[in-house]
Amino acid sequence: MSTFTTPQTFSPALVPGGRSQEAASQANSFQTTSIDEVLIIELIDNSDIVSRETLEEVLVLSKLNGKSSLNVLFESGFIAAADYKAFIGCHNIVLTGVLHKPWAIACLQRSINEFVPFESMLESMELHPLTAFSDSKLGRLAIATQLVTAMEFEQARRFSLKNGFTIGQSFVNLGFLCSTSYKLLLQCFSLQCLGQDVSVLRDLVKSAGFDFMRRGINGSKQHNVSLTNSLSAYEKALGENGLNKGLELILSAGVMDEFSVLSMIEDSLEQNLAFRTVFAESFGSNYILESAVKLANLVESGEFAKEMAVRMLQDAFLQFNPQSA
């Protein structure tokens, strides 16, 4: 973060006209579009570059002078020119709907804290609109197995960047795959991690048929394949025996929906991380996952009925996450 001493109250230099006209002129030269004040205030607030009290005072001056709060911050000396540019870059990319706002804010925060230009930080975080997700292993496999075309992958890439989805989620949301074929693609991804040749995976996909892959139908019946049956290779690829049964119990208890679970599986394969690592990043710990795996083992051994295990997992989730009650 830029190192500025934040005064407790505004000195004469921070009131209208307190900084030179050159600074105001420089601020105007950075802008490429008109500023959405609501958005820019949100970005400033999330950046933590100034305290909430200082921001409130800046908002008063902003209304008094008829200027953007960002301009007031810059002209008052609270942010440097590099910070101003980072805010404008983040503002523009969010305003145009190119980048998912939470991702843009995360990029802005790192840009300011690490003294790196916003554009460079986009590249560093692999969020640049021209290249983001272009090296997706799942995307390349989907093309190689002829599940999607290169043009469809490009659409999914842009859709993911805009909405904060994984490539697989975007394939489903855009109608290029159904949830069942998404599972098969993840199974193929797992098999590829185990060393299976792409030609074999392509044959596996072809044997399912076009209608099945695109719409999850065979004739007119919708397929609903369990995680345990459809992603058996995933456990082997990660060396996490019993994981799928635990995930099935999580789905039965309504702790997560299947789409979210599949996206976590995709993330773990893309990043070559254990599922538990990805789960902990989302939930804060693996308590719920470990509980589900243990309960699923008790169900399998006949010690617990599934209904009892589901209720116990639901209770554990409510204790762990009381706001979901």
C-alpha atoms as a PDB file:
ATOM      1  CA  MET A   1       0.000   0.000   0.000  1.00  0.00           C
ATOM      2  CA  SER A   2       1.227   3.516  -0.706  1.00  0.00           C
ATOM      3  CA  THR A   3       2.853   5.028   2.358  1.00  0.00           C
ATOM      4  CA  PHE A   4       1.006   8.218   3.276  1.00  0.00           C
ATOM      5  CA  THR A   5       0.467   9.649   6.724  1.00  0.00           C
ATOM      6  CA  THR A   6      -3.269   9.921   7.181  1.00  0.00           C
ATOM      7  CA  PRO A   7      -4.089  12.955   9.351  1.00  0.00           C
ATOM      8  CA  GLN A   8      -6.831  12.714  11.941  1.00  0.00           C
ATOM      9  CA  THR A   9      -8.463  15.841  10.528  1.00  0.00           C
ATOM     10  CA  PHE A  10      -8.123  17.636   7.216  1.00  0.00           C
ATOM     11  CA  SER A  11      -5.347  20.187   7.130  1.00  0.00           C
ATOM     12  CA  PRO A  12      -5.652  23.302   4.908  1.00  0.00           C
ATOM     13  CA  ALA A  13      -3.878  21.337   2.172  1.00  0.00           C
ATOM     14  CA  LEU A  14      -6.762  18.864   2.085  1.00  0.00           C
ATOM     15  CA  VAL A  15      -9.608  21.291   1.636  1.00  0.00           C
ATOM     16  CA  PRO A  16     -10.749  22.525  -1.795  1.00  0.00           C
ATOM     17  CA  GLY A  17      -7.814  23.983  -3.637  1.00  0.00           C
ATOM     18  CA  GLY A  18      -5.348  22.525  -1.115  1.00  0.00           C
ATOM     19  CA  ARG A  19      -3.260  20.853  -3.804  1.00  0.00           C
ATOM     20  CA  SER A  20      -1.986  22.362  -7.013  1.00  0.00           C
ATOM     21  CA  GLN A  21      -4.025  22.566 -10.183  1.00  0.00           C
ATOM     22  CA  GLU A  22      -1.308  20.441 -11.759  1.00  0.00           C
ATOM     23  CA  ALA A  23      -2.417  17.481  -9.645  1.00  0.00           C
ATOM     24  CA  ALA A  24      -6.021  17.905 -10.755  1.00  0.00           C
ATOM     25  CA  SER A  25      -4.913  18.132 -14.346  1.00  0.00           C
ATOM     26  CA  GLN A  26      -2.842  14.977 -13.947  1.00  0.00           C
ATOM     27  CA  ALA A  27      -5.804  13.124 -12.456  1.00  0.00           C
ATOM     28  CA  ASN A  28      -7.974  14.074 -15.402  1.00  0.00           C
ATOM     29  CA  SER A  29      -5.324  12.831 -17.828  1.00  0.00           C
ATOM     30  CA  PHE A  30      -5.500   9.328 -16.278  1.00  0.00           C
ATOM     31  CA  GLN A  31      -9.227   8.927 -16.922  1.00  0.00           C
ATOM     32  CA  THR A  32     -10.366   7.157 -20.055  1.00  0.00           C
ATOM     33  CA  THR A  33     -14.069   6.951 -19.190  1.00  0.00           C
ATOM     34  CA  SER A  34     -16.427   8.881 -16.931  1.00  0.00           C
ATOM     35  CA  ILE A  35     -16.242   7.642 -13.357  1.00  0.00           C
ATOM     36  CA  ASP A  36     -19.099   5.647 -11.841  1.00  0.00           C
ATOM     37  CA  GLU A  37     -19.002   7.160  -8.365  1.00  0.00           C
ATOM     38  CA  VAL A  38     -20.837   4.309  -6.646  1.00  0.00           C
ATOM     39  CA  LEU A  39     -18.394   1.800  -8.075  1.00  0.00           C
ATOM     40  CA  ILE A  40     -15.304   3.868  -7.308  1.00  0.00           C
ATOM     41  CA  ILE A  41     -16.391   4.318  -3.677  1.00  0.00           C
ATOM     42  CA  GLU A  42     -16.871   0.555  -3.396  1.00  0.00           C
ATOM     43  CA  LEU A  43     -13.373  -0.021  -4.798  1.00  0.00           C
ATOM     44  CA  ILE A  44     -11.812   2.531  -2.426  1.00  0.00           C
ATOM     45  CA  ASP A  45     -13.636   1.005   0.535  1.00  0.00           C
ATOM     46  CA  ASN A  46     -12.501  -2.527  -0.367  1.00  0.00           C
ATOM     47  CA  SER A  47      -8.926  -1.475  -1.037  1.00  0.00           C
ATOM     48  CA  ASP A  48      -8.341  -0.357   2.584  1.00  0.00           C
ATOM     49  CA  ILE A  49      -6.026   2.342   1.267  1.00  0.00           C
ATOM     50  CA  VAL A  50      -7.598   4.828   3.693  1.00  0.00           C
ATOM     51  CA  SER A  51      -9.595   4.390   6.882  1.00  0.00           C
ATOM     52  CA  ARG A  52     -13.386   4.410   6.844  1.00  0.00           C
ATOM     53  CA  GLU A  53     -13.359   7.717   8.738  1.00  0.00           C
ATOM     54  CA  THR A  54     -11.085   9.305   6.140  1.00  0.00           C
ATOM     55  CA  LEU A  55     -13.257   8.002   3.337  1.00  0.00           C
ATOM     56  CA  GLU A  56     -16.332   9.567   4.921  1.00  0.00           C
ATOM     57  CA  GLU A  57     -14.568  12.928   5.061  1.00  0.00           C
ATOM     58  CA  VAL A  58     -13.480  12.501   1.443  1.00  0.00           C
ATOM     59  CA  LEU A  59     -17.094  11.866   0.443  1.00  0.00           C
ATOM     60  CA  VAL A  60     -18.124  15.147   2.083  1.00  0.00           C
ATOM     61  CA  LEU A  61     -15.457  17.038   0.142  1.00  0.00           C
ATOM     62  CA  SER A  62     -16.414  15.183  -3.016  1.00  0.00           C
ATOM     63  CA  LYS A  63     -19.988  16.467  -2.799  1.00  0.00           C
ATOM     64  CA  LEU A  64     -18.822  19.908  -1.803  1.00  0.00           C
ATOM     65  CA  ASN A  65     -16.487  20.225  -4.795  1.00  0.00           C
ATOM     66  CA  GLY A  66     -18.537  18.247  -7.313  1.00  0.00           C
ATOM     67  CA  LYS A  67     -15.573  15.956  -7.896  1.00  0.00           C
ATOM     68  CA  SER A  68     -15.098  12.217  -7.819  1.00  0.00           C
ATOM     69  CA  SER A  69     -13.984  10.881  -4.444  1.00  0.00           C
ATOM     70  CA  LEU A  70     -10.999   9.320  -6.234  1.00  0.00           C
ATOM     71  CA  ASN A  71      -9.905  12.732  -7.497  1.00  0.00           C
ATOM     72  CA  VAL A  72     -10.282  14.195  -4.010  1.00  0.00           C
ATOM     73  CA  LEU A  73      -8.096  11.421  -2.590  1.00  0.00           C
ATOM     74  CA  PHE A  74      -5.411  12.035  -5.195  1.00  0.00           C
ATOM     75  CA  GLU A  75      -5.469  15.820  -5.034  1.00  0.00           C
ATOM     76  CA  SER A  76      -5.375  15.656  -1.225  1.00  0.00           C
ATOM     77  CA  GLY A  77      -2.281  13.449  -1.273  1.00  0.00           C
ATOM     78  CA  PHE A  78      -3.804  10.278   0.120  1.00  0.00           C
ATOM     79  CA  ILE A  79      -2.937   8.179  -2.935  1.00  0.00           C
ATOM     80  CA  ALA A  80      -0.099   8.303  -5.448  1.00  0.00           C
ATOM     81  CA  ALA A  81      -0.408   8.560  -9.206  1.00  0.00           C
ATOM     82  CA  ALA A  82       0.250   4.802  -9.531  1.00  0.00           C
ATOM     83  CA  ASP A  83      -2.598   4.067  -7.117  1.00  0.00           C
ATOM     84  CA  TYR A  84      -4.899   6.399  -9.051  1.00  0.00           C
ATOM     85  CA  LYS A  85      -4.127   4.540 -12.262  1.00  0.00           C
ATOM     86  CA  ALA A  86      -4.783   1.192 -10.556  1.00  0.00           C
ATOM     87  CA  PHE A  87      -8.200   2.383  -9.363  1.00  0.00           C
ATOM     88  CA  ILE A  88      -9.101   3.660 -12.820  1.00  0.00           C
ATOM     89  CA  GLY A  89      -7.940   0.405 -14.438  1.00  0.00           C
ATOM     90  CA  CYS A  90     -10.001  -1.672 -12.016  1.00  0.00           C
ATOM     91  CA  HIS A  91     -12.991   0.652 -12.383  1.00  0.00           C
ATOM     92  CA  ASN A  92     -12.933   0.407 -16.173  1.00  0.00           C
ATOM     93  CA  ILE A  93     -12.576  -3.364 -16.363  1.00  0.00           C
ATOM     94  CA  VAL A  94     -15.456  -3.882 -13.908  1.00  0.00           C
ATOM     95  CA  LEU A  95     -17.641  -1.242 -15.552  1.00  0.00           C
ATOM     96  CA  THR A  96     -17.294  -2.882 -18.971  1.00  0.00           C
ATOM     97  CA  GLY A  97     -18.281  -6.262 -17.491  1.00  0.00           C
ATOM     98  CA  VAL A  98     -15.095  -7.986 -18.622  1.00  0.00           C
ATOM     99  CA  LEU A  99     -13.866  -9.185 -15.212  1.00  0.00           C
ATOM    100  CA  HIS A 100     -15.706 -10.634 -12.228  1.00  0.00           C
ATOM    101  CA  LYS A 101     -15.815  -7.830  -9.638  1.00  0.00           C
ATOM    102  CA  PRO A 102     -14.404  -9.810  -6.656  1.00  0.00           C
ATOM    103  CA  TRP A 103     -11.469 -10.918  -8.821  1.00  0.00           C
ATOM    104  CA  ALA A 104     -10.901  -7.343 -10.002  1.00  0.00           C
ATOM    105  CA  ILE A 105     -10.902  -6.094  -6.396  1.00  0.00           C
ATOM    106  CA  ALA A 106      -8.421  -8.798  -5.364  1.00  0.00           C
ATOM    107  CA  CYS A 107      -6.193  -7.715  -8.246  1.00  0.00           C
ATOM    108  CA  LEU A 108      -6.526  -4.062  -7.220  1.00  0.00           C
ATOM    109  CA  GLN A 109      -5.567  -4.843  -3.633  1.00  0.00           C
ATOM    110  CA  ARG A 110      -2.431  -6.697  -4.703  1.00  0.00           C
ATOM    111  CA  SER A 111      -1.571  -4.021  -7.248  1.00  0.00           C
ATOM    112  CA  ILE A 112      -1.608  -1.349  -4.532  1.00  0.00           C
ATOM    113  CA  ASN A 113       0.049  -3.427  -1.823  1.00  0.00           C
ATOM    114  CA  GLU A 114       2.832  -4.744  -4.042  1.00  0.00           C
ATOM    115  CA  PHE A 115       3.435  -1.524  -6.015  1.00  0.00           C
ATOM    116  CA  VAL A 116       2.715  -3.285  -9.322  1.00  0.00           C
ATOM    117  CA  PRO A 117       0.723  -1.710 -12.187  1.00  0.00           C
ATOM    118  CA  PHE A 118      -2.828  -3.030 -12.378  1.00  0.00           C
ATOM    119  CA  GLU A 119      -2.352  -4.330 -15.926  1.00  0.00           C
ATOM    120  CA  SER A 120       0.768  -6.244 -14.885  1.00  0.00           C
ATOM    121  CA  MET A 121      -1.007  -7.669 -11.861  1.00  0.00           C
ATOM    122  CA  LEU A 122      -3.800  -8.935 -14.114  1.00  0.00           C
ATOM    123  CA  GLU A 123      -1.195 -10.878 -16.038  1.00  0.00           C
ATOM    124  CA  SER A 124       0.518 -12.079 -12.864  1.00  0.00           C
ATOM    125  CA  MET A 125      -2.786 -13.380 -11.469  1.00  0.00           C
ATOM    126  CA  GLU A 126      -3.681 -14.883 -14.864  1.00  0.00           C
ATOM    127  CA  LEU A 127      -6.757 -12.676 -15.128  1.00  0.00           C
ATOM    128  CA  HIS A 128      -5.838 -10.621 -18.184  1.00  0.00           C
ATOM    129  CA  PRO A 129      -8.817 -10.606 -20.584  1.00  0.00           C
ATOM    130  CA  LEU A 130      -6.654 -11.664 -23.535  1.00  0.00           C
ATOM    131  CA  THR A 131      -5.076 -14.683 -21.852  1.00  0.00           C
ATOM    132  CA  ALA A 132      -7.098 -15.718 -18.777  1.00  0.00           C
ATOM    133  CA  PHE A 133      -7.965 -19.441 -18.746  1.00  0.00           C
ATOM    134  CA  SER A 134      -6.288 -19.928 -22.121  1.00  0.00           C
ATOM    135  CA  ASP A 135      -4.050 -22.621 -20.598  1.00  0.00           C
ATOM    136  CA  SER A 136      -6.935 -24.471 -18.921  1.00  0.00           C
ATOM    137  CA  LYS A 137      -6.142 -28.185 -18.913  1.00  0.00           C
ATOM    138  CA  LEU A 138      -9.835 -29.033 -18.791  1.00  0.00           C
ATOM    139  CA  GLY A 139     -10.499 -26.726 -21.736  1.00  0.00           C
ATOM    140  CA  ARG A 140      -7.725 -28.263 -23.822  1.00  0.00           C
ATOM    141  CA  LEU A 141      -8.940 -31.759 -22.969  1.00  0.00           C
ATOM    142  CA  ALA A 142     -12.515 -30.840 -23.901  1.00  0.00           C
ATOM    143  CA  ILE A 143     -11.268 -29.710 -27.319  1.00  0.00           C
ATOM    144  CA  ALA A 144      -8.999 -32.749 -27.739  1.00  0.00           C
ATOM    145  CA  THR A 145     -11.868 -35.142 -26.983  1.00  0.00           C
ATOM    146  CA  GLN A 146     -14.109 -33.142 -29.352  1.00  0.00           C
ATOM    147  CA  LEU A 147     -16.575 -32.293 -26.635  1.00  0.00           C
ATOM    148  CA  VAL A 148     -16.367 -28.602 -27.523  1.00  0.00           C
ATOM    149  CA  THR A 149     -14.929 -26.559 -30.360  1.00  0.00           C
ATOM    150  CA  ALA A 150     -12.130 -24.014 -30.037  1.00  0.00           C
ATOM    151  CA  MET A 151     -14.708 -21.245 -30.547  1.00  0.00           C
ATOM    152  CA  GLU A 152     -16.888 -22.624 -27.751  1.00  0.00           C
ATOM    153  CA  PHE A 153     -13.876 -22.766 -25.459  1.00  0.00           C
ATOM    154  CA  GLU A 154     -13.155 -19.104 -26.225  1.00  0.00           C
ATOM    155  CA  GLN A 155     -16.755 -18.240 -25.312  1.00  0.00           C
ATOM    156  CA  ALA A 156     -16.423 -20.221 -22.081  1.00  0.00           C
ATOM    157  CA  ARG A 157     -13.114 -18.497 -21.293  1.00  0.00           C
ATOM    158  CA  ARG A 158     -14.686 -15.047 -21.526  1.00  0.00           C
ATOM    159  CA  PHE A 159     -17.801 -16.181 -19.660  1.00  0.00           C
ATOM    160  CA  SER A 160     -15.665 -17.544 -16.803  1.00  0.00           C
ATOM    161  CA  LEU A 161     -13.714 -14.305 -16.538  1.00  0.00           C
ATOM    162  CA  LYS A 162     -16.881 -12.227 -16.444  1.00  0.00           C
ATOM    163  CA  ASN A 163     -18.855 -14.357 -14.001  1.00  0.00           C
ATOM    164  CA  GLY A 164     -16.211 -15.937 -11.756  1.00  0.00           C
ATOM    165  CA  PHE A 165     -16.820 -19.485 -12.978  1.00  0.00           C
ATOM    166  CA  THR A 166     -14.508 -22.350 -13.752  1.00  0.00           C
ATOM    167  CA  ILE A 167     -14.238 -23.382 -17.401  1.00  0.00           C
ATOM    168  CA  GLY A 168     -16.334 -26.478 -16.736  1.00  0.00           C
ATOM    169  CA  GLN A 169     -19.060 -24.432 -15.067  1.00  0.00           C
ATOM    170  CA  SER A 170     -19.103 -22.134 -18.069  1.00  0.00           C
ATOM    171  CA  PHE A 171     -19.391 -25.064 -20.475  1.00  0.00           C
ATOM    172  CA  VAL A 172     -22.535 -26.122 -18.613  1.00  0.00           C
ATOM    173  CA  ASN A 173     -23.977 -22.615 -18.221  1.00  0.00           C
ATOM    174  CA  LEU A 174     -23.515 -21.914 -21.919  1.00  0.00           C
ATOM    175  CA  GLY A 175     -25.201 -25.210 -22.848  1.00  0.00           C
ATOM    176  CA  PHE A 176     -22.097 -26.823 -24.381  1.00  0.00           C
ATOM    177  CA  LEU A 177     -22.205 -29.652 -21.820  1.00  0.00           C
ATOM    178  CA  CYS A 178     -24.771 -31.038 -19.385  1.00  0.00           C
ATOM    179  CA  SER A 179     -23.951 -31.926 -15.775  1.00  0.00           C
ATOM    180  CA  THR A 180     -23.551 -35.605 -16.687  1.00  0.00           C
ATOM    181  CA  SER A 181     -21.101 -34.903 -19.478  1.00  0.00           C
ATOM    182  CA  TYR A 182     -19.284 -32.488 -17.171  1.00  0.00           C
ATOM    183  CA  LYS A 183     -18.734 -35.452 -14.846  1.00  0.00           C
ATOM    184  CA  LEU A 184     -17.447 -37.555 -17.722  1.00  0.00           C
ATOM    185  CA  LEU A 185     -15.036 -34.799 -18.718  1.00  0.00           C
ATOM    186  CA  LEU A 186     -13.736 -34.675 -15.131  1.00  0.00           C
ATOM    187  CA  GLN A 187     -13.387 -38.464 -15.183  1.00  0.00           C
ATOM    188  CA  CYS A 188     -11.354 -38.161 -18.393  1.00  0.00           C
ATOM    189  CA  PHE A 189      -9.268 -35.431 -16.768  1.00  0.00           C
ATOM    190  CA  SER A 190      -8.586 -37.779 -13.835  1.00  0.00           C
ATOM    191  CA  LEU A 191      -7.648 -40.616 -16.192  1.00  0.00           C
ATOM    192  CA  GLN A 192      -5.313 -38.276 -18.052  1.00  0.00           C
ATOM    193  CA  CYS A 193      -3.632 -37.457 -14.721  1.00  0.00           C
ATOM    194  CA  LEU A 194      -3.161 -41.224 -14.263  1.00  0.00           C
ATOM    195  CA  GLY A 195      -1.385 -41.382 -17.639  1.00  0.00           C
ATOM    196  CA  GLN A 196      -4.209 -42.380 -19.991  1.00  0.00           C
ATOM    197  CA  ASP A 197      -3.647 -41.380 -23.616  1.00  0.00           C
ATOM    198  CA  VAL A 198      -5.928 -38.714 -25.083  1.00  0.00           C
ATOM    199  CA  SER A 199      -6.909 -41.003 -27.990  1.00  0.00           C
ATOM    200  CA  VAL A 200      -8.382 -43.479 -25.506  1.00  0.00           C
ATOM    201  CA  LEU A 201     -10.257 -40.695 -23.753  1.00  0.00           C
ATOM    202  CA  ARG A 202     -11.571 -39.451 -27.100  1.00  0.00           C
ATOM    203  CA  ASP A 203     -12.960 -42.922 -27.815  1.00  0.00           C
ATOM    204  CA  LEU A 204     -14.546 -42.973 -24.361  1.00  0.00           C
ATOM    205  CA  VAL A 205     -16.314 -39.715 -25.107  1.00  0.00           C
ATOM    206  CA  LYS A 206     -17.376 -40.800 -28.592  1.00  0.00           C
ATOM    207  CA  SER A 207     -18.919 -43.986 -27.221  1.00  0.00           C
ATOM    208  CA  ALA A 208     -21.266 -41.869 -25.106  1.00  0.00           C
ATOM    209  CA  GLY A 209     -22.804 -40.249 -28.186  1.00  0.00           C
ATOM    210  CA  PHE A 210     -23.398 -36.612 -29.113  1.00  0.00           C
ATOM    211  CA  ASP A 211     -26.876 -36.284 -27.595  1.00  0.00           C
ATOM    212  CA  PHE A 212     -25.714 -37.798 -24.320  1.00  0.00           C
ATOM    213  CA  MET A 213     -22.716 -35.497 -24.101  1.00  0.00           C
ATOM    214  CA  ARG A 214     -24.543 -32.303 -25.006  1.00  0.00           C
ATOM    215  CA  ARG A 215     -27.860 -32.803 -23.326  1.00  0.00           C
ATOM    216  CA  GLY A 216     -27.449 -35.798 -21.023  1.00  0.00           C
ATOM    217  CA  ILE A 217     -30.061 -37.809 -22.892  1.00  0.00           C
ATOM    218  CA  ASN A 218     -30.234 -41.218 -24.482  1.00  0.00           C
ATOM    219  CA  GLY A 219     -33.443 -41.206 -26.430  1.00  0.00           C
ATOM    220  CA  SER A 220     -35.539 -39.159 -24.025  1.00  0.00           C
ATOM    221  CA  LYS A 221     -34.243 -40.194 -20.587  1.00  0.00           C
ATOM    222  CA  GLN A 222     -32.130 -37.923 -18.431  1.00  0.00           C
ATOM    223  CA  HIS A 223     -29.099 -39.587 -16.829  1.00  0.00           C
ATOM    224  CA  ASN A 224     -28.127 -38.903 -13.236  1.00  0.00           C
ATOM    225  CA  VAL A 225     -24.882 -40.714 -12.507  1.00  0.00           C
ATOM    226  CA  SER A 226     -23.540 -40.687  -8.942  1.00  0.00           C
ATOM    227  CA  LEU A 227     -20.141 -39.211  -8.141  1.00  0.00           C
ATOM    228  CA  THR A 228     -18.947 -42.590  -6.885  1.00  0.00           C
ATOM    229  CA  ASN A 229     -19.704 -44.234 -10.229  1.00  0.00           C
ATOM    230  CA  SER A 230     -18.812 -41.375 -12.551  1.00  0.00           C
ATOM    231  CA  LEU A 231     -15.606 -40.154 -10.904  1.00  0.00           C
ATOM    232  CA  SER A 232     -13.931 -43.331  -9.688  1.00  0.00           C
ATOM    233  CA  ALA A 233     -10.650 -42.315 -11.351  1.00  0.00           C
ATOM    234  CA  TYR A 234     -10.618 -39.037  -9.421  1.00  0.00           C
ATOM    235  CA  GLU A 235     -10.029 -40.778  -6.097  1.00  0.00           C
ATOM    236  CA  LYS A 236      -7.169 -42.767  -7.614  1.00  0.00           C
ATOM    237  CA  ALA A 237      -5.625 -39.700  -9.216  1.00  0.00           C
ATOM    238  CA  LEU A 238      -5.545 -37.897  -5.862  1.00  0.00           C
ATOM    239  CA  GLY A 239      -4.978 -40.915  -3.640  1.00  0.00           C
ATOM    240  CA  GLU A 240      -8.003 -40.018  -1.504  1.00  0.00           C
ATOM    241  CA  ASN A 241      -9.935 -43.234  -0.978  1.00  0.00           C
ATOM    242  CA  GLY A 242     -13.503 -42.842   0.269  1.00  0.00           C
ATOM    243  CA  LEU A 243     -13.691 -39.193  -0.795  1.00  0.00           C
ATOM    244  CA  ASN A 244     -16.494 -39.643  -3.332  1.00  0.00           C
ATOM    245  CA  LYS A 245     -18.780 -41.368  -0.826  1.00  0.00           C
ATOM    246  CA  GLY A 246     -18.227 -38.516   1.584  1.00  0.00           C
ATOM    247  CA  LEU A 247     -19.099 -36.049  -1.159  1.00  0.00           C
ATOM    248  CA  GLU A 248     -22.254 -38.034  -1.962  1.00  0.00           C
ATOM    249  CA  LEU A 249     -23.313 -37.659   1.666  1.00  0.00           C
ATOM    250  CA  ILE A 250     -22.603 -33.927   1.538  1.00  0.00           C
ATOM    251  CA  LEU A 251     -24.928 -33.698  -1.461  1.00  0.00           C
ATOM    252  CA  SER A 252     -27.619 -35.763   0.261  1.00  0.00           C
ATOM    253  CA  ALA A 253     -27.444 -33.493   3.310  1.00  0.00           C
ATOM    254  CA  GLY A 254     -27.788 -30.390   1.143  1.00  0.00           C
ATOM    255  CA  VAL A 255     -24.542 -28.920   2.469  1.00  0.00           C
ATOM    256  CA  MET A 256     -23.421 -28.237  -1.116  1.00  0.00           C
ATOM    257  CA  ASP A 257     -25.004 -28.617  -4.538  1.00  0.00           C
ATOM    258  CA  GLU A 258     -23.481 -30.932  -7.111  1.00  0.00           C
ATOM    259  CA  PHE A 259     -22.411 -28.106  -9.392  1.00  0.00           C
ATOM    260  CA  SER A 260     -20.269 -26.589  -6.621  1.00  0.00           C
ATOM    261  CA  VAL A 261     -18.707 -29.948  -5.769  1.00  0.00           C
ATOM    262  CA  LEU A 262     -17.814 -30.566  -9.419  1.00  0.00           C
ATOM    263  CA  SER A 263     -16.225 -27.134  -9.690  1.00  0.00           C
ATOM    264  CA  MET A 264     -14.060 -27.903  -6.647  1.00  0.00           C
ATOM    265  CA  ILE A 265     -13.000 -31.181  -8.243  1.00  0.00           C
ATOM    266  CA  GLU A 266     -12.131 -29.275 -11.398  1.00  0.00           C
ATOM    267  CA  ASP A 267     -10.097 -26.746  -9.403  1.00  0.00           C
ATOM    268  CA  SER A 268      -8.161 -29.478  -7.637  1.00  0.00           C
ATOM    269  CA  LEU A 269      -7.301 -31.159 -10.958  1.00  0.00           C
ATOM    270  CA  GLU A 270      -6.358 -27.889 -12.651  1.00  0.00           C
ATOM    271  CA  GLN A 271      -4.083 -26.860  -9.799  1.00  0.00           C
ATOM    272  CA  ASN A 272      -2.904 -30.392  -8.958  1.00  0.00           C
ATOM    273  CA  LEU A 273      -4.076 -29.926  -5.382  1.00  0.00           C
ATOM    274  CA  ALA A 274      -5.715 -32.349  -2.975  1.00  0.00           C
ATOM    275  CA  PHE A 275      -9.484 -31.903  -2.814  1.00  0.00           C
ATOM    276  CA  ARG A 276      -9.184 -31.266   0.923  1.00  0.00           C
ATOM    277  CA  THR A 277      -6.980 -28.247   0.192  1.00  0.00           C
ATOM    278  CA  VAL A 278      -9.522 -26.746  -2.203  1.00  0.00           C
ATOM    279  CA  PHE A 279     -12.394 -27.524   0.181  1.00  0.00           C
ATOM    280  CA  ALA A 280     -10.608 -25.863   3.100  1.00  0.00           C
ATOM    281  CA  GLU A 281     -10.008 -22.725   1.030  1.00  0.00           C
ATOM    282  CA  SER A 282     -13.756 -22.440   0.502  1.00  0.00           C
ATOM    283  CA  PHE A 283     -15.062 -23.524   3.925  1.00  0.00           C
ATOM    284  CA  GLY A 284     -12.198 -22.402   6.148  1.00  0.00           C
ATOM    285  CA  SER A 285     -11.503 -25.942   7.362  1.00  0.00           C
ATOM    286  CA  ASN A 286     -12.068 -29.599   6.456  1.00  0.00           C
ATOM    287  CA  TYR A 287     -14.289 -30.313   9.451  1.00  0.00           C
ATOM    288  CA  ILE A 288     -17.451 -30.887   7.393  1.00  0.00           C
ATOM    289  CA  LEU A 289     -15.637 -32.929   4.731  1.00  0.00           C
ATOM    290  CA  GLU A 290     -13.889 -35.181   7.270  1.00  0.00           C
ATOM    291  CA  SER A 291     -17.160 -35.636   9.135  1.00  0.00           C
ATOM    292  CA  ALA A 292     -18.880 -36.641   5.898  1.00  0.00           C
ATOM    293  CA  VAL A 293     -16.181 -39.172   5.001  1.00  0.00           C
ATOM    294  CA  LYS A 294     -16.320 -40.752   8.479  1.00  0.00           C
ATOM    295  CA  LEU A 295     -20.117 -40.921   8.453  1.00  0.00           C
ATOM    296  CA  ALA A 296     -20.117 -42.393   4.945  1.00  0.00           C
ATOM    297  CA  ASN A 297     -17.748 -45.124   6.136  1.00  0.00           C
ATOM    298  CA  LEU A 298     -20.087 -45.895   9.046  1.00  0.00           C
ATOM    299  CA  VAL A 299     -23.013 -46.138   6.624  1.00  0.00           C
ATOM    300  CA  GLU A 300     -21.028 -48.466   4.380  1.00  0.00           C
ATOM    301  CA  SER A 301     -20.105 -50.696   7.347  1.00  0.00           C
ATOM    302  CA  GLY A 302     -23.764 -50.912   8.364  1.00  0.00           C
ATOM    303  CA  GLU A 303     -23.266 -49.147  11.701  1.00  0.00           C
ATOM    304  CA  PHE A 304     -25.396 -46.155  10.687  1.00  0.00           C
ATOM    305  CA  ALA A 305     -28.450 -45.817   8.484  1.00  0.00           C
ATOM    306  CA  LYS A 306     -27.930 -43.276   5.734  1.00  0.00           C
ATOM    307  CA  GLU A 307     -30.816 -41.142   7.011  1.00  0.00           C
ATOM    308  CA  MET A 308     -29.161 -40.874  10.433  1.00  0.00           C
ATOM    309  CA  ALA A 309     -25.816 -39.965   8.854  1.00  0.00           C
ATOM    310  CA  VAL A 310     -27.497 -37.258   6.768  1.00  0.00           C
ATOM    311  CA  ARG A 311     -29.156 -35.725   9.846  1.00  0.00           C
ATOM    312  CA  MET A 312     -25.906 -35.814  11.806  1.00  0.00           C
ATOM    313  CA  LEU A 313     -24.029 -34.107   8.978  1.00  0.00           C
ATOM    314  CA  GLN A 314     -26.740 -31.450   8.696  1.00  0.00           C
ATOM    315  CA  ASP A 315     -26.498 -30.793  12.444  1.00  0.00           C
ATOM    316  CA  ALA A 316     -22.709 -30.587  12.229  1.00  0.00           C
ATOM    317  CA  PHE A 317     -22.967 -28.118   9.374  1.00  0.00           C
ATOM    318  CA  LEU A 318     -25.408 -25.899  11.293  1.00  0.00           C
ATOM    319  CA  GLN A 319     -23.089 -25.871  14.316  1.00  0.00           C
ATOM    320  CA  PHE A 320     -20.114 -25.084  12.086  1.00  0.00           C
ATOM    321  CA  ASN A 321     -22.025 -22.478  10.052  1.00  0.00           C
ATOM    322  CA  PRO A 322     -24.912 -21.190  12.257  1.00  0.00           C
ATOM    323  CA  GLN A 323     -25.831 -18.333   9.863  1.00  0.00           C
ATOM    324  CA  SER A 324     -27.079 -20.954   7.366  1.00  0.00           C
ATOM    325  CA  ALA A 325     -29.839 -22.007   9.764  1.00  0.00           C
END
